[in-house]
Structure formats: structure tokens, C-alpha cells
Amino acid sequence: MAAATGLRRGASGSAVKALCVFVHGRGQSPEEMESHVLKRLWATNVAFTLPRAPRGAWYDAKAVDPISSTTRAQLEEALGLLGDEIAALRADYPGLPLLLAGFSQGACLSLEYVCRGQDAPDALAALTGCRVGTTSCDRPLAAPADLPVYLSGSDADPWIPVTASAEAMLELGRQKLQLRTDLFPGRGHEVSPPEIAMLETMLTDLGNGHKPRFNATR
């Protein structure tokens, strides 16, 4: 899978105090995430990278389907591209804290990246996400302990069932992460204002030199 051109947005140079890699969902684009998420944030000291899935999706299967050999191969390629994007942003701004974030399939991919335990970000925001596959699949559980993680979901989301969100919450809790979860009744497939507020407070905390405290209200 050849890398496709993503977007760089936000602050640059000495103004940068925190970094964020934001991963789009299935059938979406970095431009949509810029419009629907980044432009709703007050984050003047954050450098953003928005990767682009070469085929418009990071993998073909639904997140809750059992992991086939094809899905595993696609997932590994996507995780490699995500790792490259994270490494490139960190190389441009060494030593600065990085938030990995994503929506829908992008949130699922970000969760899988963190659960592999390599080159971990300083925090994770998985907006409407779950683990890829089922509980019977062989899935890594190597996320670094105490990593701040925000995971959201909805009982009305057509792509990520509430059961899958609950299973992800349980798996993340077992890995002893600093976990904050929110379930928004009736919320459609979107990033709601409270989720934007949480993302903003996480970036603000990282830019101020400390771990996210998840102090945004619902």
C-alpha cells in the first residue's frame, strides 16, 4: 500500500507546544476531519497531521467482523502508515507531547496502534471507536500502563455498536490505562460538542506540559 498525501495543519515553528495525529474514518478524508473537527477546536499551539487512507478506508471489513487474513494484512499496512506519520511529526518537533486521535474507523485504528505498545503516543482520544475484530480474535493487549485514553460511543451509532464500545472499555481497563469513557444516548455518527470539548482540553493539558485530566464536562 503506497502512502497517500495527508494534510499538515495548525501551528508551526516555535509556536508549537503539542502535536496531534488525527485519523479519519471509513469513506472520509483529512479535509472532512479538518472541517468537522479541527475548525471547531481552539488549539493555536498544536501542530496537526491528518493521514489519508490510500483506498478511502484503512481496511475493508467492519470493525466488529472476525479478523480474516486479508483484514490482518490490511490492518498491518495501515498501522505501518500511521506509525510513519507519527514518527515524521515527532521528528519535526522532537520532545513535544503527542496526542493520537481518530474518529470511527480512524479511532479503531488508533486503538489498535496503542494496544501494540510500540512508539506509544502521550495520550489517545478514540472518538466512536472499538477494538477491531471480536473477543475471540488474537488481539494485542500491550498498551503502556497509565496512558491517558478517552473513548466515546453512542447507543445509536450505526457503525460501532454499543456492545463493541463496552468491550473496548473493558479491554482498555484491564490494561490499567487512565481511562475516561463517555456514552452519548441517541447521538448519531458524528463528533458531538462534548467530544470536541474533551479533545480541546486534552490538547491544552499536553501543551501545558502535563497529562490530560479529562476535565471537560459532558
Protein backbone atom coordinates (compact mmCIF):
# COMPACT_ATOMS: atom_id res chain seq x y z
CA MET A 1 0.00 0.00 0.00
CA ALA A 2 1.60 3.26 -1.09
CA ALA A 3 1.25 6.23 1.19
CA ALA A 4 -1.20 8.90 0.08
CA THR A 5 -0.74 12.57 0.80
CA GLY A 6 -2.26 13.74 4.06
CA LEU A 7 -2.53 17.22 5.50
CA ARG A 8 -0.42 19.31 7.84
CA ARG A 9 -2.36 21.96 9.70
CA GLY A 10 -2.17 24.15 12.79
CA ALA A 11 0.79 25.87 14.39
CA SER A 12 4.39 25.70 13.18
CA GLY A 13 7.88 26.56 14.37
CA SER A 14 8.42 27.80 17.90
CA ALA A 15 4.69 28.32 18.45
CA VAL A 16 4.12 24.56 18.65
CA LYS A 17 3.66 23.18 22.17
CA ALA A 18 1.81 19.92 21.41
CA LEU A 19 1.29 17.55 18.48
CA CYS A 20 -1.76 15.69 17.21
CA VAL A 21 -2.20 12.98 14.60
CA PHE A 22 -5.91 12.77 13.73
CA VAL A 23 -7.10 9.74 11.74
CA HIS A 24 -10.23 9.87 9.57
CA GLY A 25 -12.88 7.18 9.30
CA ARG A 26 -14.06 4.90 6.51
CA GLY A 27 -15.08 6.78 3.38
CA GLN A 28 -13.91 10.06 4.86
CA SER A 29 -10.92 12.29 4.22
CA PRO A 30 -8.47 14.53 6.05
CA GLU A 31 -10.35 17.50 4.61
CA GLU A 32 -13.56 16.35 6.29
CA MET A 33 -11.79 15.96 9.61
CA GLU A 34 -10.34 19.43 9.21
CA SER A 35 -13.83 20.84 8.61
CA HIS A 36 -15.76 18.76 11.16
CA VAL A 37 -13.19 18.61 13.97
CA LEU A 38 -10.13 20.86 13.69
CA LYS A 39 -12.05 24.03 12.81
CA ARG A 40 -14.17 23.54 15.93
CA LEU A 41 -11.12 23.47 18.19
CA TRP A 42 -9.36 26.33 19.91
CA ALA A 43 -5.84 24.94 19.61
CA THR A 44 -3.48 27.67 18.47
CA ASN A 45 -0.28 25.97 19.66
CA VAL A 46 -0.87 22.49 18.17
CA ALA A 47 0.69 21.05 15.02
CA PHE A 48 -1.67 18.57 13.34
CA THR A 49 -1.07 15.77 10.89
CA LEU A 50 -4.12 14.22 9.19
CA PRO A 51 -3.16 10.98 7.39
CA ARG A 52 -5.06 9.83 4.32
CA ALA A 53 -6.11 6.21 3.72
CA PRO A 54 -4.94 5.28 0.20
CA ARG A 55 -8.20 3.48 -0.68
CA GLY A 56 -10.54 5.72 1.31
CA ALA A 57 -10.60 3.15 4.12
CA TRP A 58 -7.90 1.75 6.38
CA TYR A 59 -9.26 -1.79 5.99
CA ASP A 60 -12.26 -3.25 4.16
CA ALA A 61 -14.01 -5.25 6.90
CA LYS A 62 -16.36 -3.88 9.52
CA ALA A 63 -14.65 -3.32 12.84
CA VAL A 64 -16.76 -5.98 14.56
CA ASP A 65 -16.17 -8.70 11.93
CA PRO A 66 -13.82 -11.55 12.87
CA ILE A 67 -10.28 -10.76 11.75
CA SER A 68 -9.54 -12.58 8.49
CA SER A 69 -6.08 -12.96 6.95
CA THR A 70 -6.99 -10.17 4.50
CA THR A 71 -8.10 -7.84 7.29
CA ARG A 72 -4.98 -8.58 9.30
CA ALA A 73 -2.75 -7.77 6.33
CA GLN A 74 -4.63 -4.53 5.60
CA LEU A 75 -4.53 -3.60 9.26
CA GLU A 76 -0.78 -4.14 9.48
CA GLU A 77 -0.22 -1.94 6.40
CA ALA A 78 -2.43 0.80 7.83
CA LEU A 79 -0.67 0.65 11.19
CA GLY A 80 2.65 0.97 9.41
CA LEU A 81 1.47 4.12 7.62
CA LEU A 82 0.15 5.54 10.89
CA GLY A 83 3.46 4.82 12.60
CA ASP A 84 5.31 6.61 9.81
CA GLU A 85 3.08 9.68 10.20
CA ILE A 86 3.65 9.77 13.95
CA ALA A 87 7.41 9.38 13.52
CA ALA A 88 7.55 12.15 10.90
CA LEU A 89 5.67 14.64 13.07
CA ARG A 90 7.80 13.81 16.08
CA ALA A 91 10.97 14.22 14.01
CA ASP A 92 9.87 17.75 13.06
CA TYR A 93 9.10 18.65 16.69
CA PRO A 94 11.28 16.45 18.92
CA GLY A 95 10.42 16.19 22.58
CA LEU A 96 6.88 17.56 22.34
CA PRO A 97 3.88 15.58 23.62
CA LEU A 98 1.69 13.88 21.02
CA LEU A 99 -2.00 13.06 21.10
CA LEU A 100 -3.16 10.29 18.77
CA ALA A 101 -6.82 10.77 17.90
CA GLY A 102 -9.33 9.43 15.43
CA PHE A 103 -12.98 9.13 14.55
CA SER A 104 -14.87 5.90 13.74
CA GLN A 105 -12.57 3.60 11.73
CA GLY A 106 -9.78 6.07 12.50
CA ALA A 107 -10.49 5.65 16.21
CA CYS A 108 -10.43 1.86 15.82
CA LEU A 109 -7.09 2.01 14.00
CA SER A 110 -5.69 4.30 16.70
CA LEU A 111 -6.80 1.88 19.42
CA GLU A 112 -5.06 -0.98 17.63
CA TYR A 113 -1.90 1.09 17.34
CA VAL A 114 -1.85 1.86 21.05
CA CYS A 115 -2.61 -1.72 22.06
CA ARG A 116 0.54 -2.87 20.27
CA GLY A 117 2.60 -0.87 22.75
CA GLN A 118 5.24 0.41 20.33
CA ASP A 119 6.16 4.09 19.92
CA ALA A 120 3.17 4.99 22.05
CA PRO A 121 1.68 8.49 21.95
CA ASP A 122 1.39 10.53 25.12
CA ALA A 123 -2.41 10.22 25.07
CA LEU A 124 -5.21 8.77 22.94
CA ALA A 125 -8.65 10.10 22.01
CA ALA A 126 -10.76 7.43 20.29
CA LEU A 127 -14.00 9.13 19.22
CA THR A 128 -16.58 6.44 18.46
CA GLY A 129 -14.12 3.56 18.45
CA CYS A 130 -13.68 -0.07 19.42
CA ARG A 131 -11.17 -2.88 19.02
CA VAL A 132 -11.00 -4.42 15.55
CA GLY A 133 -12.39 -7.95 15.47
CA THR A 134 -14.15 -9.95 18.17
CA THR A 135 -13.21 -11.03 21.68
CA SER A 136 -12.27 -14.48 20.30
CA CYS A 137 -9.68 -12.96 17.93
CA ASP A 138 -5.98 -12.80 18.76
CA ARG A 139 -5.57 -9.12 19.61
CA PRO A 140 -2.58 -7.44 21.29
CA LEU A 141 -3.02 -6.12 24.83
CA ALA A 142 0.25 -4.26 25.25
CA ALA A 143 -0.81 -0.65 25.76
CA PRO A 144 1.51 1.16 28.19
CA ALA A 145 0.07 1.34 31.70
CA ASP A 146 -1.21 4.74 32.84
CA LEU A 147 -1.60 6.03 29.28
CA PRO A 148 -4.41 8.65 29.29
CA VAL A 149 -7.19 7.40 26.99
CA TYR A 150 -10.54 8.95 26.14
CA LEU A 151 -13.05 6.60 24.48
CA SER A 152 -16.52 7.66 23.38
CA GLY A 153 -19.50 5.94 21.84
CA SER A 154 -23.25 6.04 21.33
CA ASP A 155 -26.15 3.63 21.62
CA ALA A 156 -27.46 4.94 18.28
CA ASP A 157 -24.29 4.82 16.17
CA PRO A 158 -24.83 2.69 13.01
CA TRP A 159 -21.18 1.67 12.62
CA ILE A 160 -19.87 0.99 16.14
CA PRO A 161 -22.38 -0.98 18.25
CA VAL A 162 -22.61 -0.07 21.90
CA THR A 163 -21.59 -3.65 22.76
CA ALA A 164 -18.32 -3.17 20.87
CA SER A 165 -17.68 0.10 22.71
CA ALA A 166 -18.32 -1.66 26.03
CA GLU A 167 -15.94 -4.49 25.14
CA ALA A 168 -13.24 -1.95 24.26
CA MET A 169 -13.76 -0.18 27.58
CA LEU A 170 -13.29 -3.48 29.40
CA GLU A 171 -10.14 -4.40 27.47
CA LEU A 172 -8.60 -0.98 27.99
CA GLY A 173 -9.44 -1.09 31.69
CA ARG A 174 -7.69 -4.44 32.01
CA GLN A 175 -4.55 -2.84 30.57
CA LYS A 176 -4.54 -0.40 33.52
CA LEU A 177 -4.86 2.75 31.44
CA GLN A 178 -6.03 6.13 32.75
CA LEU A 179 -9.39 5.71 31.09
CA ARG A 180 -12.27 8.15 30.67
CA THR A 181 -15.29 6.90 28.75
CA ASP A 182 -18.49 8.62 27.61
CA LEU A 183 -21.58 7.04 26.08
CA PHE A 184 -23.91 9.56 24.43
CA PRO A 185 -27.52 8.31 24.17
CA GLY A 186 -29.12 8.99 20.81
CA ARG A 187 -26.06 10.61 19.26
CA GLY A 188 -25.64 9.84 15.55
CA HIS A 189 -22.41 9.09 13.69
CA GLU A 190 -20.68 12.38 14.42
CA VAL A 191 -18.30 14.19 16.74
CA SER A 192 -20.51 15.96 19.26
CA PRO A 193 -19.73 19.24 21.07
CA PRO A 194 -18.79 17.48 24.34
CA GLU A 195 -16.29 15.32 22.45
CA ILE A 196 -14.79 18.42 20.83
CA ALA A 197 -14.51 19.98 24.30
CA MET A 198 -12.73 16.89 25.64
CA LEU A 199 -10.31 16.84 22.71
CA GLU A 200 -9.57 20.50 23.27
CA THR A 201 -8.87 20.09 26.99
CA MET A 202 -6.58 17.13 26.31
CA LEU A 203 -4.55 19.18 23.83
CA THR A 204 -4.46 22.13 26.22
CA ASP A 205 -3.17 19.96 29.05
CA LEU A 206 -0.47 18.42 26.86
CA GLY A 207 0.56 21.85 25.61
CA ASN A 208 0.89 23.00 29.22
CA GLY A 209 3.24 20.14 30.00
CA HIS A 210 1.10 17.69 31.95
CA LYS A 211 -1.07 14.65 31.36
CA PRO A 212 -4.67 15.15 30.28
CA ARG A 213 -7.05 15.42 33.23
CA PHE A 214 -10.29 14.83 31.25
CA ASN A 215 -11.88 17.82 32.95
CA ALA A 216 -14.31 18.78 30.18
CA THR A 217 -17.96 18.39 31.11
CA ARG A 218 -20.41 16.28 29.15
